[in-house]
Amino acid sequence: MSKYGPCHRTGEPGAPGCKLAALSITTRASDGSPIPAYLLNAEDTASELEMLRSIASGLGAKWGKDDLGWWAVVPRWDGAES
């Protein structure tokens, strides 16, 4: 972590992510109905935090910190209008 400079532990988002491989799969909901999904795999040298940064970035999350604390803006996935 120290080679990337200040990041989440000291309040600065945006440190590097990592390469992800994705495999299209089908999983099941609690009622047994199929749900399309992706199984993600990070490169061998990636940390958990780098993988999470890559996933959040790929989903369109934007985050930061201001006087009120940490904030995040994420797309709505439920199909609802804003």
C-alpha atoms as a PDB file:
ATOM      1  CA  MET A   1       0.000   0.000   0.000  1.00  0.00           C
ATOM      2  CA  SER A   2       2.758   2.490   0.820  1.00  0.00           C
ATOM      3  CA  LYS A   3       4.046   2.544  -2.762  1.00  0.00           C
ATOM      4  CA  TYR A   4       0.785   4.189  -3.904  1.00  0.00           C
ATOM      5  CA  GLY A   5       0.917   7.097  -1.476  1.00  0.00           C
ATOM      6  CA  PRO A   6      -1.998   8.162   0.672  1.00  0.00           C
ATOM      7  CA  CYS A   7      -5.217   6.370  -0.177  1.00  0.00           C
ATOM      8  CA  HIS A   8      -8.219   5.054   1.775  1.00  0.00           C
ATOM      9  CA  ARG A   9      -6.468   4.661   5.113  1.00  0.00           C
ATOM     10  CA  THR A  10      -5.524   8.347   5.150  1.00  0.00           C
ATOM     11  CA  GLY A  11      -8.581   9.717   3.428  1.00  0.00           C
ATOM     12  CA  GLU A  12      -7.709   9.917  -0.278  1.00  0.00           C
ATOM     13  CA  PRO A  13      -9.670   7.780  -2.782  1.00  0.00           C
ATOM     14  CA  GLY A  14      -8.513   7.089  -6.286  1.00  0.00           C
ATOM     15  CA  ALA A  15      -5.448   4.936  -5.789  1.00  0.00           C
ATOM     16  CA  PRO A  16      -4.912   2.348  -8.513  1.00  0.00           C
ATOM     17  CA  GLY A  17      -7.204  -0.568  -9.153  1.00  0.00           C
ATOM     18  CA  CYS A  18      -6.180  -3.807 -10.843  1.00  0.00           C
ATOM     19  CA  LYS A  19      -6.968  -5.892 -13.896  1.00  0.00           C
ATOM     20  CA  LEU A  20     -10.039  -8.091 -13.545  1.00  0.00           C
ATOM     21  CA  ALA A  21     -11.045 -11.177 -15.472  1.00  0.00           C
ATOM     22  CA  ALA A  22     -14.794 -11.807 -15.788  1.00  0.00           C
ATOM     23  CA  LEU A  23     -16.608 -15.074 -16.403  1.00  0.00           C
ATOM     24  CA  SER A  24     -20.310 -14.936 -17.232  1.00  0.00           C
ATOM     25  CA  ILE A  25     -22.230 -17.241 -14.890  1.00  0.00           C
ATOM     26  CA  THR A  26     -25.770 -17.886 -13.679  1.00  0.00           C
ATOM     27  CA  THR A  27     -26.502 -17.939  -9.964  1.00  0.00           C
ATOM     28  CA  ARG A  28     -29.779 -18.512  -8.134  1.00  0.00           C
ATOM     29  CA  ALA A  29     -31.993 -16.204  -6.096  1.00  0.00           C
ATOM     30  CA  SER A  30     -33.439 -17.404  -2.776  1.00  0.00           C
ATOM     31  CA  ASP A  31     -36.552 -18.587  -4.637  1.00  0.00           C
ATOM     32  CA  GLY A  32     -34.427 -20.627  -7.061  1.00  0.00           C
ATOM     33  CA  SER A  33     -34.904 -18.345 -10.068  1.00  0.00           C
ATOM     34  CA  PRO A  34     -31.796 -17.837 -12.220  1.00  0.00           C
ATOM     35  CA  ILE A  35     -29.860 -14.567 -12.013  1.00  0.00           C
ATOM     36  CA  PRO A  36     -27.225 -13.678 -14.631  1.00  0.00           C
ATOM     37  CA  ALA A  37     -23.979 -12.592 -12.968  1.00  0.00           C
ATOM     38  CA  TYR A  38     -20.218 -12.306 -13.423  1.00  0.00           C
ATOM     39  CA  LEU A  39     -17.555 -14.138 -11.451  1.00  0.00           C
ATOM     40  CA  LEU A  40     -14.651 -11.688 -11.106  1.00  0.00           C
ATOM     41  CA  ASN A  41     -11.028 -12.644 -10.549  1.00  0.00           C
ATOM     42  CA  ALA A  42      -8.243 -10.163  -9.752  1.00  0.00           C
ATOM     43  CA  GLU A  43      -4.691 -10.520 -10.972  1.00  0.00           C
ATOM     44  CA  ASP A  44      -2.397 -12.560  -8.684  1.00  0.00           C
ATOM     45  CA  THR A  45      -0.588  -9.598  -7.106  1.00  0.00           C
ATOM     46  CA  ALA A  46      -3.707  -7.506  -6.423  1.00  0.00           C
ATOM     47  CA  SER A  47      -4.910  -6.716  -2.930  1.00  0.00           C
ATOM     48  CA  GLU A  48      -8.530  -6.924  -1.850  1.00  0.00           C
ATOM     49  CA  LEU A  49      -8.683  -3.121  -1.779  1.00  0.00           C
ATOM     50  CA  GLU A  50      -7.390  -2.849  -5.361  1.00  0.00           C
ATOM     51  CA  MET A  51     -10.046  -5.333  -6.498  1.00  0.00           C
ATOM     52  CA  LEU A  52     -12.812  -3.431  -4.697  1.00  0.00           C
ATOM     53  CA  ARG A  53     -11.620  -0.140  -6.251  1.00  0.00           C
ATOM     54  CA  SER A  54     -11.761  -1.728  -9.706  1.00  0.00           C
ATOM     55  CA  ILE A  55     -15.264  -3.089  -9.131  1.00  0.00           C
ATOM     56  CA  ALA A  56     -16.566   0.229  -7.770  1.00  0.00           C
ATOM     57  CA  SER A  57     -15.024   2.130 -10.668  1.00  0.00           C
ATOM     58  CA  GLY A  58     -16.458  -0.324 -13.206  1.00  0.00           C
ATOM     59  CA  LEU A  59     -19.924   0.107 -11.692  1.00  0.00           C
ATOM     60  CA  GLY A  60     -19.638   3.872 -12.080  1.00  0.00           C
ATOM     61  CA  ALA A  61     -19.153   4.801  -8.407  1.00  0.00           C
ATOM     62  CA  LYS A  62     -17.611   8.197  -7.688  1.00  0.00           C
ATOM     63  CA  TRP A  63     -16.437   8.903  -4.145  1.00  0.00           C
ATOM     64  CA  GLY A  64     -14.571  11.427  -2.083  1.00  0.00           C
ATOM     65  CA  LYS A  65     -14.320  13.142   1.270  1.00  0.00           C
ATOM     66  CA  ASP A  66     -15.280  16.649   2.325  1.00  0.00           C
ATOM     67  CA  ASP A  67     -16.000  18.546   5.546  1.00  0.00           C
ATOM     68  CA  LEU A  68     -19.051  16.345   6.200  1.00  0.00           C
ATOM     69  CA  GLY A  69     -17.156  13.049   5.779  1.00  0.00           C
ATOM     70  CA  TRP A  70     -17.029  10.345   3.116  1.00  0.00           C
ATOM     71  CA  TRP A  71     -19.555  10.433   0.286  1.00  0.00           C
ATOM     72  CA  ALA A  72     -20.294   8.244  -2.732  1.00  0.00           C
ATOM     73  CA  VAL A  73     -22.482   8.662  -5.795  1.00  0.00           C
ATOM     74  CA  VAL A  74     -23.633   5.415  -7.401  1.00  0.00           C
ATOM     75  CA  PRO A  75     -25.955   4.728 -10.330  1.00  0.00           C
ATOM     76  CA  ARG A  76     -29.430   3.440  -9.517  1.00  0.00           C
ATOM     77  CA  TRP A  77     -29.782  -0.190 -10.558  1.00  0.00           C
ATOM     78  CA  ASP A  78     -33.460  -0.704  -9.796  1.00  0.00           C
ATOM     79  CA  GLY A  79     -34.681   0.959 -12.993  1.00  0.00           C
ATOM     80  CA  ALA A  80     -36.321   3.780 -11.025  1.00  0.00           C
ATOM     81  CA  GLU A  81     -36.419   7.266 -12.461  1.00  0.00           C
ATOM     82  CA  SER A  82     -34.610  10.020 -10.569  1.00  0.00           C
END
